[in-house]
């Protein structure tokens, strides 16, 4: 089995990661799920609508401001 699954399955993928299947993902896994331009846009949306990172109990995109009101 390969790092991301059996070769019979991974042979058909592009090496990417679907954020829907990461569970309680670490930041690096969430980041890997998005192309650079998409991740930048998600950070812009997060900055505009959730700068305090209150909606963080998911596959979180952190706002660009660094630490938030919650300290996370």
N, C-alpha and C. Protein backbone atom coordinates (compact mmCIF):
# COMPACT_ATOMS: atom_id res chain seq x y z
N UNK A 1 0.85 -1.17 0.00
CA UNK A 1 0.00 0.00 0.00
C UNK A 1 0.89 1.24 0.00
N UNK A 2 0.52 2.22 -0.79
CA UNK A 2 1.28 3.46 -0.87
C UNK A 2 0.95 4.38 0.29
N UNK A 3 1.60 5.53 0.29
CA UNK A 3 1.41 6.49 1.37
C UNK A 3 -0.02 7.00 1.44
N UNK A 4 -0.73 7.02 0.31
CA UNK A 4 -2.08 7.56 0.28
C UNK A 4 -3.13 6.50 -0.01
N UNK A 5 -2.75 5.27 -0.12
CA UNK A 5 -3.72 4.22 -0.38
C UNK A 5 -3.16 3.17 -1.31
N UNK A 6 -3.99 2.18 -1.64
CA UNK A 6 -3.52 1.11 -2.50
C UNK A 6 -3.25 1.63 -3.92
N UNK A 7 -2.25 1.06 -4.60
CA UNK A 7 -1.89 1.54 -5.93
C UNK A 7 -3.03 1.45 -6.93
N UNK A 8 -3.95 0.51 -6.74
CA UNK A 8 -5.09 0.38 -7.65
C UNK A 8 -5.97 1.64 -7.62
N UNK A 9 -5.98 2.31 -6.50
CA UNK A 9 -6.78 3.53 -6.36
C UNK A 9 -5.94 4.76 -6.66
N UNK A 10 -4.75 4.85 -6.09
CA UNK A 10 -3.94 6.05 -6.26
C UNK A 10 -3.50 6.26 -7.70
N UNK A 11 -3.48 5.20 -8.50
CA UNK A 11 -3.12 5.34 -9.91
C UNK A 11 -4.10 6.23 -10.67
N UNK A 12 -5.30 6.39 -10.15
CA UNK A 12 -6.33 7.17 -10.83
C UNK A 12 -6.46 8.59 -10.29
N UNK A 13 -5.70 8.93 -9.27
CA UNK A 13 -5.79 10.26 -8.68
C UNK A 13 -4.69 11.17 -9.18
N UNK A 14 -4.72 12.40 -8.71
CA UNK A 14 -3.69 13.37 -9.09
C UNK A 14 -2.73 13.65 -7.93
N UNK A 15 -2.83 12.87 -6.86
CA UNK A 15 -1.95 13.07 -5.72
C UNK A 15 -2.49 14.08 -4.72
N UNK A 16 -3.65 14.68 -5.04
CA UNK A 16 -4.24 15.66 -4.15
C UNK A 16 -4.98 15.01 -3.00
N UNK A 17 -5.50 15.84 -2.16
CA UNK A 17 -6.20 15.39 -0.96
C UNK A 17 -7.56 16.07 -0.93
N UNK A 18 -8.59 15.33 -0.64
CA UNK A 18 -9.92 15.91 -0.50
C UNK A 18 -10.14 16.29 0.95
N UNK A 19 -10.43 17.54 1.19
CA UNK A 19 -10.61 18.02 2.56
C UNK A 19 -11.77 17.30 3.25
N UNK A 20 -12.72 16.80 2.50
CA UNK A 20 -13.85 16.09 3.10
C UNK A 20 -13.45 14.79 3.78
N UNK A 21 -12.30 14.26 3.45
CA UNK A 21 -11.88 12.97 3.99
C UNK A 21 -10.68 13.08 4.91
N UNK A 22 -10.47 14.27 5.48
CA UNK A 22 -9.32 14.44 6.35
C UNK A 22 -9.64 14.25 7.82
N UNK A 23 -10.92 14.20 8.18
CA UNK A 23 -11.29 14.07 9.59
C UNK A 23 -10.89 15.33 10.34
N UNK A 24 -10.34 15.17 11.53
CA UNK A 24 -9.82 16.32 12.28
C UNK A 24 -8.42 16.60 11.78
N UNK A 25 -8.35 17.29 10.67
CA UNK A 25 -7.08 17.46 9.97
C UNK A 25 -6.19 18.52 10.59
N UNK A 26 -4.91 18.23 10.56
CA UNK A 26 -3.92 19.23 10.92
C UNK A 26 -3.87 20.28 9.82
N UNK A 27 -3.32 21.43 10.15
CA UNK A 27 -3.25 22.52 9.18
C UNK A 27 -2.55 22.12 7.89
N UNK A 28 -1.50 21.33 7.99
CA UNK A 28 -0.77 20.96 6.78
C UNK A 28 -1.62 20.12 5.84
N UNK A 29 -2.48 19.27 6.39
CA UNK A 29 -3.36 18.46 5.53
C UNK A 29 -4.44 19.32 4.88
N UNK A 30 -5.00 20.25 5.66
CA UNK A 30 -6.01 21.15 5.10
C UNK A 30 -5.38 21.99 4.00
N UNK A 31 -4.19 22.50 4.24
CA UNK A 31 -3.49 23.33 3.25
C UNK A 31 -3.21 22.54 1.98
N UNK A 32 -2.84 21.28 2.13
CA UNK A 32 -2.52 20.43 0.97
C UNK A 32 -3.75 20.12 0.12
N UNK A 33 -4.93 20.28 0.69
CA UNK A 33 -6.16 19.95 -0.03
C UNK A 33 -6.54 21.01 -1.07
N UNK A 34 -5.93 22.19 -0.99
CA UNK A 34 -6.32 23.28 -1.88
C UNK A 34 -5.14 23.77 -2.72
N UNK A 35 -5.37 24.07 -3.99
CA UNK A 35 -4.33 24.75 -4.77
C UNK A 35 -4.05 26.13 -4.16
N UNK A 36 -2.88 26.69 -4.42
CA UNK A 36 -2.47 27.96 -3.81
C UNK A 36 -3.50 29.06 -4.00
N UNK A 37 -3.99 29.26 -5.22
CA UNK A 37 -4.93 30.35 -5.48
C UNK A 37 -6.23 30.16 -4.71
N UNK A 38 -6.69 28.94 -4.60
CA UNK A 38 -7.94 28.66 -3.87
C UNK A 38 -7.72 28.91 -2.38
N UNK A 39 -6.59 28.47 -1.84
CA UNK A 39 -6.32 28.68 -0.42
C UNK A 39 -6.21 30.17 -0.10
N UNK A 40 -5.54 30.93 -0.97
CA UNK A 40 -5.45 32.38 -0.75
C UNK A 40 -6.85 33.01 -0.71
N UNK A 41 -7.73 32.59 -1.61
CA UNK A 41 -9.09 33.13 -1.63
C UNK A 41 -9.86 32.72 -0.38
N UNK A 42 -9.69 31.50 0.09
CA UNK A 42 -10.35 31.07 1.32
C UNK A 42 -9.88 31.89 2.53
N UNK A 43 -8.59 32.21 2.56
CA UNK A 43 -8.07 33.05 3.64
C UNK A 43 -8.68 34.45 3.55
N UNK A 44 -8.83 34.98 2.35
CA UNK A 44 -9.48 36.29 2.18
C UNK A 44 -10.92 36.26 2.70
N UNK A 45 -11.64 35.20 2.39
CA UNK A 45 -13.02 35.05 2.86
C UNK A 45 -13.03 34.94 4.38
N UNK A 46 -12.11 34.16 4.92
CA UNK A 46 -12.03 34.00 6.38
C UNK A 46 -11.71 35.33 7.04
N UNK A 47 -10.79 36.09 6.47
CA UNK A 47 -10.45 37.42 7.01
C UNK A 47 -11.66 38.33 7.04
N UNK A 48 -12.48 38.27 5.99
CA UNK A 48 -13.63 39.16 5.87
C UNK A 48 -14.79 38.74 6.78
N UNK A 49 -15.01 37.45 6.94
CA UNK A 49 -16.21 36.98 7.62
C UNK A 49 -15.99 36.32 8.98
N UNK A 50 -14.77 35.92 9.28
CA UNK A 50 -14.49 35.27 10.56
C UNK A 50 -13.06 35.55 11.01
N UNK A 51 -12.71 36.84 11.17
CA UNK A 51 -11.33 37.16 11.53
C UNK A 51 -10.92 36.66 12.91
N UNK A 52 -11.88 36.42 13.80
CA UNK A 52 -11.57 35.90 15.14
C UNK A 52 -11.50 34.37 15.15
N UNK A 53 -11.72 33.73 14.01
CA UNK A 53 -11.62 32.28 13.87
C UNK A 53 -12.57 31.53 14.80
N UNK A 54 -13.75 32.08 14.96
CA UNK A 54 -14.75 31.42 15.81
C UNK A 54 -15.24 30.11 15.17
N UNK A 55 -15.30 30.06 13.85
CA UNK A 55 -15.73 28.85 13.14
C UNK A 55 -14.51 28.01 12.82
N UNK A 56 -13.97 27.38 13.84
CA UNK A 56 -12.71 26.66 13.69
C UNK A 56 -12.83 25.17 13.97
N UNK A 57 -14.01 24.69 14.35
CA UNK A 57 -14.17 23.27 14.70
C UNK A 57 -14.50 22.46 13.46
N UNK A 58 -13.64 22.54 12.49
CA UNK A 58 -13.81 21.87 11.21
C UNK A 58 -12.42 21.74 10.59
N UNK A 59 -12.36 21.53 9.31
CA UNK A 59 -11.08 21.57 8.60
C UNK A 59 -10.76 23.05 8.41
N UNK A 60 -10.11 23.62 9.41
CA UNK A 60 -9.99 25.06 9.56
C UNK A 60 -9.04 25.72 8.58
N UNK A 61 -9.50 26.85 8.07
CA UNK A 61 -8.64 27.80 7.35
C UNK A 61 -8.43 28.95 8.33
N UNK A 62 -7.19 29.19 8.70
CA UNK A 62 -6.92 30.26 9.65
C UNK A 62 -6.98 31.62 8.95
N UNK A 63 -7.45 32.64 9.66
CA UNK A 63 -7.37 33.99 9.11
C UNK A 63 -5.90 34.42 9.07
N UNK A 64 -5.59 35.38 8.24
CA UNK A 64 -4.18 35.77 8.07
C UNK A 64 -3.63 36.58 9.22
N UNK A 65 -4.47 37.01 10.15
CA UNK A 65 -4.02 37.86 11.26
C UNK A 65 -3.19 37.12 12.30
N UNK A 66 -3.01 35.83 12.18
CA UNK A 66 -2.22 35.07 13.15
C UNK A 66 -3.09 34.62 14.30
N UNK A 67 -2.68 34.90 15.54
CA UNK A 67 -3.46 34.49 16.70
C UNK A 67 -4.80 35.21 16.70
N UNK A 68 -5.79 34.52 17.17
CA UNK A 68 -7.16 35.05 17.16
C UNK A 68 -7.61 35.32 18.58
N UNK A 69 -8.81 35.79 18.72
CA UNK A 69 -9.36 36.09 20.04
C UNK A 69 -9.39 34.85 20.92
N UNK A 70 -9.47 33.69 20.31
CA UNK A 70 -9.52 32.44 21.08
C UNK A 70 -8.13 31.91 21.40
N UNK A 71 -7.09 32.52 20.80
CA UNK A 71 -5.73 32.05 21.02
C UNK A 71 -5.37 30.84 20.19
N UNK A 72 -6.23 30.51 19.20
CA UNK A 72 -5.98 29.32 18.36
C UNK A 72 -5.82 29.72 16.92
